[in-house]
Every structure is written in C-alpha cells, then in structure tokens.
Amino acid sequence: MSELITPPLPLTVAVSPCPNDTFIFGAWVLGQCAPLPDRTASFIWEDVQVLNEAAVRREYDVIKVSAAQALELLDDYVLLPAGGAFSKVHGPKLVTSPPTSSSSPSGAPRTIAVPGLGTTAAALLRRAWTEPVELIPVRYDRIVDMVLRGEVDAGLLIHESALLLDRYGLSCILDLGRWWDERTNGLPLPLGCILGRRTLGIETLEWITGRIQASLSHASHAPDSIWPLVRALAQEMDDEVLRTHIRTYVNHYSRDMDEEGARALEYLNGMIHA
C-alpha cells in the first residue's frame, strides 16, 4: 500500500483490548511501523459490544466489531481485508457449572449470559440453540463468575475465557466452532472484522489496510517489542494463555481474509438473515 498519501489526521481507531487486537495494532499504537512521532491515529480501547454499539452510531473512522454486526453496517462502512479475527480451531463455547438443586429439570438452560446481543457468538447461538431461553448481555470477562455463582444457567464464552474451561471447572454443552465447521465444510469462523468509514475514500482506506498489515508484520517479527502493551491491556495475565489466544485468533486471515474469508462472511450473512 502507498505511504505517499496523507490521511485525515488523526484518524480515530477503536479496537478491543483483547490480545489479538493489541498484537495486530500494537506496533501502530506504539509508533513502531513509522518514524516517530506517529500521529496518524488516536486509539480508543473498548469491549467488543461497546464497539458494536459505537459502530451503529458511526462514532469512529476505523473500528473493530463483531463480524455479525459488521454485515449490518456496510452502507456507511467498508469491511477492510486486514485486522480481523477468523478461527479454524476454536469458537464460542456454551458452558455450565456442575448441576445444582436449582438447575432446570430438563437440563436445558433457561438463562444464558452472552457477551453482547450483537456479537457473532450470540448470532450463532440463536441459530444453533433451539430451546426457549433468555439471553442476558454481560461483558465477556464477567460471564464465568456469573455461571459459577449460579446467577445464570449457562454462559457463552469468547476470547481467552473460551480457552480455559478446565481451569474454571466448567462443562461445554455446545462448541459453536465445531457446530460452524460441520455446517460449512471447514470454512474459517469469522468472529471480528475491521470497518473503515466510507467517507474516508478508497486511497485512505487502502492506506489504513497497509498500516494494519505493517503493524501485524512488525509484531510477528518482533513480538517482544509490543508484548508489554499486550499484557497491560489483557484480562488474563498468564503469558502462555495470551500466546495461545494470539495463535488462535491471529493468522493469515488477519493479514488478508482472502476469498475463503469472504465466503465465510457470505455464509454467516445468509445464516443470520435466513
């Protein structure tokens, strides 16, 4: 991508503090993929559902949102090919704690905490779970505690929480990554995407894509240079968990979602609007 254009400065870029986003955007945030000082962007860090709601209000120039939400906003935003989260291995997991006397007699949960009603996880759950249930929106990092305290019958886990079921002593009753894989013949599961405001124009949007790719390349070749930022913003402080999270959700689709990623988004769009 060309470095010769001058984008509107500073761009407002809103992403989540999850390890995959900080790994991808960290070098840009820290000015490591351009001569210092890098004043091309002002960064905002928010939970994914907060970002979904901000995107609906068209608040930022560049924003990370759930893939399901991105598909609803393409009149005003362009879906950028870089920076997204696609998984070939893991997906959201519906979990419960060991049965108690207050459990539903049928064994099916009646209340499920979800990480936002606009998330891809919630969209998949609505298609995969046919039992009547109340979905309760909760910030993703609070769901495990709600399940363990019995405040809800089940929880839908995303991000690093979905990788730590054994640590929490929770049981997975529905693996939405496996559910997706069985129905799509192995397409990657689109979890999050980067949107750029259409009014920025094609040259600026291409420049932004190039900056995301440069930032990811720098982190991939010099991960120690952005690791303090990743750890500072993460909910989970165990380095191996953070690295597992990044290996799971940062892959070649993060640099360019390519035709396979586009097909996965098309399938998700059809599923949501069926």
Protein backbone atom coordinates (compact mmCIF):
# COMPACT_ATOMS: atom_id res chain seq x y z
CA MET A 1 0.00 0.00 0.00
CA SER A 2 1.20 3.53 -0.71
CA GLU A 3 2.75 5.61 2.10
CA LEU A 4 2.59 8.76 -0.06
CA ILE A 5 -0.98 9.81 0.70
CA THR A 6 -1.76 11.92 3.73
CA PRO A 7 -4.84 10.60 5.58
CA PRO A 8 -7.10 12.90 7.61
CA LEU A 9 -5.28 13.32 10.93
CA PRO A 10 -5.68 11.99 13.42
CA LEU A 11 -7.87 9.05 12.47
CA THR A 12 -9.98 7.70 15.31
CA VAL A 13 -9.31 3.97 15.60
CA ALA A 14 -11.36 1.95 18.10
CA VAL A 15 -10.39 -1.64 18.90
CA SER A 16 -10.74 -4.05 21.80
CA PRO A 17 -8.05 -4.62 24.46
CA CYS A 18 -8.07 -8.37 23.73
CA PRO A 19 -4.65 -9.88 22.93
CA ASN A 20 -5.38 -10.48 19.25
CA ASP A 21 -6.23 -6.81 18.67
CA THR A 22 -3.33 -5.42 20.70
CA PHE A 23 -0.97 -7.81 18.89
CA ILE A 24 -2.22 -6.69 15.48
CA PHE A 25 -2.43 -2.96 16.20
CA GLY A 26 0.34 -2.68 18.83
CA ALA A 27 3.16 -1.57 16.53
CA TRP A 28 0.92 1.12 15.03
CA VAL A 29 -0.15 2.26 18.50
CA LEU A 30 3.47 2.44 19.67
CA GLY A 31 4.75 4.14 16.53
CA GLN A 32 6.93 1.20 15.55
CA CYS A 33 5.81 0.91 11.93
CA ALA A 34 6.50 4.57 11.05
CA PRO A 35 9.09 7.15 12.08
CA LEU A 36 8.34 8.63 15.50
CA PRO A 37 6.28 10.50 16.40
CA ASP A 38 3.38 8.69 14.71
CA ARG A 39 0.35 10.96 14.93
CA THR A 40 -1.71 9.25 12.23
CA ALA A 41 -4.26 7.87 14.67
CA SER A 42 -5.86 8.31 18.04
CA PHE A 43 -6.67 4.91 19.59
CA ILE A 44 -9.69 4.01 21.71
CA TRP A 45 -9.96 0.70 23.63
CA GLU A 46 -13.39 -0.74 24.40
CA ASP A 47 -15.19 -4.04 24.95
CA VAL A 48 -16.47 -5.66 21.76
CA GLN A 49 -20.16 -4.99 22.47
CA VAL A 50 -19.40 -1.35 23.29
CA LEU A 51 -17.63 -1.18 19.92
CA ASN A 52 -20.62 -2.76 18.19
CA GLU A 53 -22.90 -0.09 19.63
CA ALA A 54 -20.45 2.70 18.75
CA ALA A 55 -20.30 1.46 15.16
CA VAL A 56 -24.09 1.61 14.91
CA ARG A 57 -23.79 5.28 15.95
CA ARG A 58 -20.99 5.79 13.37
CA GLU A 59 -18.66 7.23 16.02
CA TYR A 60 -15.19 6.29 14.72
CA ASP A 61 -13.24 6.30 11.47
CA VAL A 62 -11.90 2.77 11.91
CA ILE A 63 -13.48 0.26 14.28
CA LYS A 64 -13.26 -3.40 15.25
CA VAL A 65 -16.70 -5.01 15.52
CA SER A 66 -18.22 -8.47 15.68
CA ALA A 67 -18.47 -10.00 12.21
CA ALA A 68 -22.23 -10.34 12.56
CA GLN A 69 -22.51 -6.63 13.37
CA ALA A 70 -20.19 -5.64 10.53
CA LEU A 71 -22.54 -7.18 7.99
CA GLU A 72 -25.30 -4.78 9.09
CA LEU A 73 -23.22 -1.60 8.64
CA LEU A 74 -21.90 -1.75 5.09
CA ASP A 75 -23.92 1.23 3.88
CA ASP A 76 -21.64 3.54 5.87
CA TYR A 77 -18.53 1.43 6.37
CA VAL A 78 -16.19 -0.64 4.19
CA LEU A 79 -15.10 -4.02 5.50
CA LEU A 80 -11.29 -3.94 5.44
CA PRO A 81 -9.45 -7.11 4.42
CA ALA A 82 -6.91 -6.89 7.27
CA GLY A 83 -7.07 -6.94 11.05
CA GLY A 84 -9.99 -9.32 11.54
CA ALA A 85 -10.33 -12.43 13.70
CA PHE A 86 -11.10 -15.70 11.92
CA SER A 87 -10.65 -19.07 13.61
CA LYS A 88 -10.15 -22.52 12.14
CA VAL A 89 -9.88 -24.21 15.54
CA HIS A 90 -11.85 -22.55 18.32
CA GLY A 91 -15.19 -20.81 18.55
CA PRO A 92 -17.55 -19.55 21.25
CA LYS A 93 -18.47 -22.18 23.84
CA LEU A 94 -21.73 -22.56 25.75
CA VAL A 95 -20.82 -23.73 29.24
CA THR A 96 -22.45 -24.69 32.51
CA SER A 97 -21.25 -25.39 36.02
CA PRO A 98 -21.96 -28.75 37.71
CA PRO A 99 -25.71 -29.38 38.25
CA THR A 100 -27.35 -27.96 41.40
CA SER A 101 -30.76 -28.31 43.00
CA SER A 102 -31.85 -25.14 41.18
CA SER A 103 -30.94 -26.48 37.75
CA SER A 104 -33.63 -26.75 35.11
CA PRO A 105 -35.37 -30.18 35.43
CA SER A 106 -34.88 -30.78 31.72
CA GLY A 107 -31.18 -29.98 31.97
CA ALA A 108 -31.58 -27.24 29.34
CA PRO A 109 -30.51 -23.75 30.48
CA ARG A 110 -33.26 -21.16 30.81
CA THR A 111 -30.95 -18.16 31.15
CA ILE A 112 -27.69 -17.68 29.23
CA ALA A 113 -25.20 -14.86 29.75
CA VAL A 114 -23.85 -13.71 26.38
CA PRO A 115 -21.08 -11.20 25.58
CA GLY A 116 -23.48 -8.77 23.90
CA LEU A 117 -26.56 -9.31 21.79
CA GLY A 118 -24.80 -8.01 18.68
CA THR A 119 -21.83 -10.36 18.85
CA THR A 120 -21.15 -13.13 16.37
CA ALA A 121 -21.30 -15.56 19.30
CA ALA A 122 -24.87 -14.54 20.10
CA ALA A 123 -25.86 -14.70 16.42
CA LEU A 124 -24.53 -18.26 16.14
CA LEU A 125 -26.22 -19.30 19.37
CA ARG A 126 -29.60 -18.10 18.13
CA ARG A 127 -29.26 -20.43 15.13
CA ALA A 128 -27.76 -23.40 16.95
CA TRP A 129 -29.77 -23.46 20.19
CA THR A 130 -33.40 -24.32 19.58
CA GLU A 131 -34.65 -24.44 23.20
CA PRO A 132 -36.50 -21.35 24.52
CA VAL A 133 -34.03 -19.27 26.53
CA GLU A 134 -33.43 -15.75 27.83
CA LEU A 135 -30.18 -14.17 26.60
CA ILE A 136 -28.65 -11.81 29.17
CA PRO A 137 -25.98 -9.43 27.81
CA VAL A 138 -22.90 -9.24 30.04
CA ARG A 139 -19.34 -8.06 29.43
CA TYR A 140 -17.41 -11.13 28.31
CA ASP A 141 -14.97 -11.24 31.25
CA ARG A 142 -17.81 -11.38 33.82
CA ILE A 143 -19.60 -14.38 32.37
CA VAL A 144 -17.53 -17.11 34.05
CA ASP A 145 -18.18 -15.70 37.53
CA MET A 146 -21.91 -15.40 36.84
CA VAL A 147 -22.06 -19.06 35.82
CA LEU A 148 -20.01 -20.21 38.81
CA ARG A 149 -22.18 -18.20 41.22
CA GLY A 150 -25.36 -19.65 39.70
CA GLU A 151 -26.69 -16.26 38.59
CA VAL A 152 -27.39 -17.75 35.14
CA ASP A 153 -27.85 -21.33 34.00
CA ALA A 154 -25.17 -21.11 31.32
CA GLY A 155 -22.69 -18.72 29.76
CA LEU A 156 -21.41 -18.15 26.25
CA LEU A 157 -17.64 -17.73 26.41
CA ILE A 158 -15.42 -15.93 23.90
CA HIS A 159 -11.81 -14.71 23.79
CA GLU A 160 -9.40 -16.26 26.30
CA SER A 161 -12.25 -17.42 28.56
CA ALA A 162 -13.24 -20.00 25.95
CA LEU A 163 -9.74 -21.50 26.13
CA LEU A 164 -9.73 -22.07 29.91
CA LEU A 165 -12.66 -24.38 30.66
CA ASP A 166 -10.56 -26.83 32.65
CA ARG A 167 -9.23 -24.06 34.87
CA TYR A 168 -12.75 -22.88 35.68
CA GLY A 169 -14.23 -26.36 36.15
CA LEU A 170 -16.94 -25.67 33.57
CA SER A 171 -18.56 -28.11 31.14
CA CYS A 172 -19.03 -27.30 27.46
CA ILE A 173 -22.52 -28.24 26.27
CA LEU A 174 -22.20 -26.65 22.82
CA ASP A 175 -19.00 -25.85 20.92
CA LEU A 176 -20.07 -23.31 18.29
CA GLY A 177 -16.73 -23.57 16.49
CA ARG A 178 -17.36 -27.27 15.87
CA TRP A 179 -21.02 -26.56 15.04
CA TRP A 180 -19.92 -24.00 12.42
CA ASP A 181 -17.24 -26.29 10.98
CA GLU A 182 -19.72 -29.14 10.45
CA ARG A 183 -22.12 -26.89 8.54
CA THR A 184 -19.63 -25.02 6.37
CA ASN A 185 -17.29 -27.84 5.33
CA GLY A 186 -14.36 -26.22 7.10
CA LEU A 187 -14.75 -22.53 6.36
CA PRO A 188 -12.99 -20.26 8.87
CA LEU A 189 -15.30 -18.86 11.52
CA PRO A 190 -15.47 -15.04 11.18
CA LEU A 191 -15.59 -13.59 14.67
CA GLY A 192 -14.47 -9.97 14.29
CA CYS A 193 -13.83 -7.54 11.43
CA ILE A 194 -12.34 -4.09 10.91
CA LEU A 195 -14.56 -1.42 9.37
CA GLY A 196 -13.43 1.86 7.80
CA ARG A 197 -15.73 4.81 7.22
CA ARG A 198 -16.69 5.05 3.52
CA THR A 199 -16.32 8.82 3.52
CA LEU A 200 -12.56 8.44 4.04
CA GLY A 201 -12.24 7.44 0.39
CA ILE A 202 -10.59 4.48 -1.28
CA GLU A 203 -6.99 5.75 -1.09
CA THR A 204 -7.18 6.38 2.64
CA LEU A 205 -8.89 3.05 3.28
CA GLU A 206 -6.12 1.29 1.34
CA TRP A 207 -3.53 3.22 3.34
CA ILE A 208 -5.21 2.09 6.59
CA THR A 209 -5.19 -1.53 5.41
CA GLY A 210 -1.49 -1.21 4.64
CA ARG A 211 -0.79 0.27 8.06
CA ILE A 212 -2.62 -2.62 9.78
CA GLN A 213 -0.64 -5.13 7.73
CA ALA A 214 2.64 -3.36 8.52
CA SER A 215 1.78 -3.32 12.22
CA LEU A 216 0.99 -7.05 12.20
CA SER A 217 4.21 -7.84 10.30
CA HIS A 218 6.26 -5.91 12.85
CA ALA A 219 4.61 -7.74 15.78
CA SER A 220 5.12 -11.10 14.10
CA HIS A 221 8.85 -10.45 13.61
CA ALA A 222 9.46 -8.62 16.90
CA PRO A 223 6.77 -9.75 19.38
CA ASP A 224 8.78 -8.64 22.42
CA SER A 225 8.51 -5.04 21.24
CA ILE A 226 4.73 -4.97 21.70
CA TRP A 227 4.39 -7.55 24.50
CA PRO A 228 4.21 -5.01 27.37
CA LEU A 229 1.19 -3.42 25.68
CA VAL A 230 -0.49 -6.81 25.16
CA ARG A 231 -0.01 -7.72 28.83
CA ALA A 232 -1.05 -4.30 30.12
CA LEU A 233 -4.45 -4.44 28.40
CA ALA A 234 -5.25 -8.15 28.78
CA GLN A 235 -7.70 -9.56 31.33
CA GLU A 236 -5.65 -12.75 31.64
CA MET A 237 -2.04 -12.24 32.80
CA ASP A 238 -0.58 -15.71 32.13
CA ASP A 239 1.83 -15.29 29.22
CA GLU A 240 1.18 -18.76 27.79
CA VAL A 241 -2.58 -18.15 27.79
CA LEU A 242 -2.01 -14.86 25.98
CA ARG A 243 0.20 -16.55 23.40
CA THR A 244 -2.37 -19.30 22.89
CA HIS A 245 -5.05 -16.65 22.40
CA ILE A 246 -2.93 -14.89 19.78
CA ARG A 247 -2.07 -18.15 17.96
CA THR A 248 -5.79 -18.99 17.89
CA TYR A 249 -7.15 -15.71 16.57
CA VAL A 250 -4.23 -14.14 14.68
CA ASN A 251 -3.44 -16.00 11.47
CA HIS A 252 -3.12 -15.41 7.74
CA TYR A 253 -6.74 -14.23 7.61
CA SER A 254 -5.70 -11.37 9.91
CA ARG A 255 -3.36 -10.08 7.21
CA ASP A 256 -5.79 -10.71 4.35
CA MET A 257 -9.10 -12.51 4.78
CA ASP A 258 -8.89 -13.54 1.08
CA GLU A 259 -11.62 -15.34 -0.89
CA GLU A 260 -12.14 -18.03 1.75
CA GLY A 261 -12.77 -15.41 4.43
CA ALA A 262 -15.18 -13.61 2.12
CA ARG A 263 -17.09 -16.86 1.54
CA ALA A 264 -17.28 -17.39 5.29
CA LEU A 265 -18.77 -13.93 5.77
CA GLU A 266 -21.26 -14.58 2.97
CA TYR A 267 -22.29 -17.82 4.67
CA LEU A 268 -22.64 -16.04 8.04
CA ASN A 269 -24.76 -13.33 6.42
CA GLY A 270 -27.08 -15.94 4.91
CA MET A 271 -27.35 -17.73 8.23
CA ILE A 272 -28.23 -14.56 10.13
CA HIS A 273 -30.89 -13.48 7.65
CA ALA A 274 -32.37 -16.90 6.92
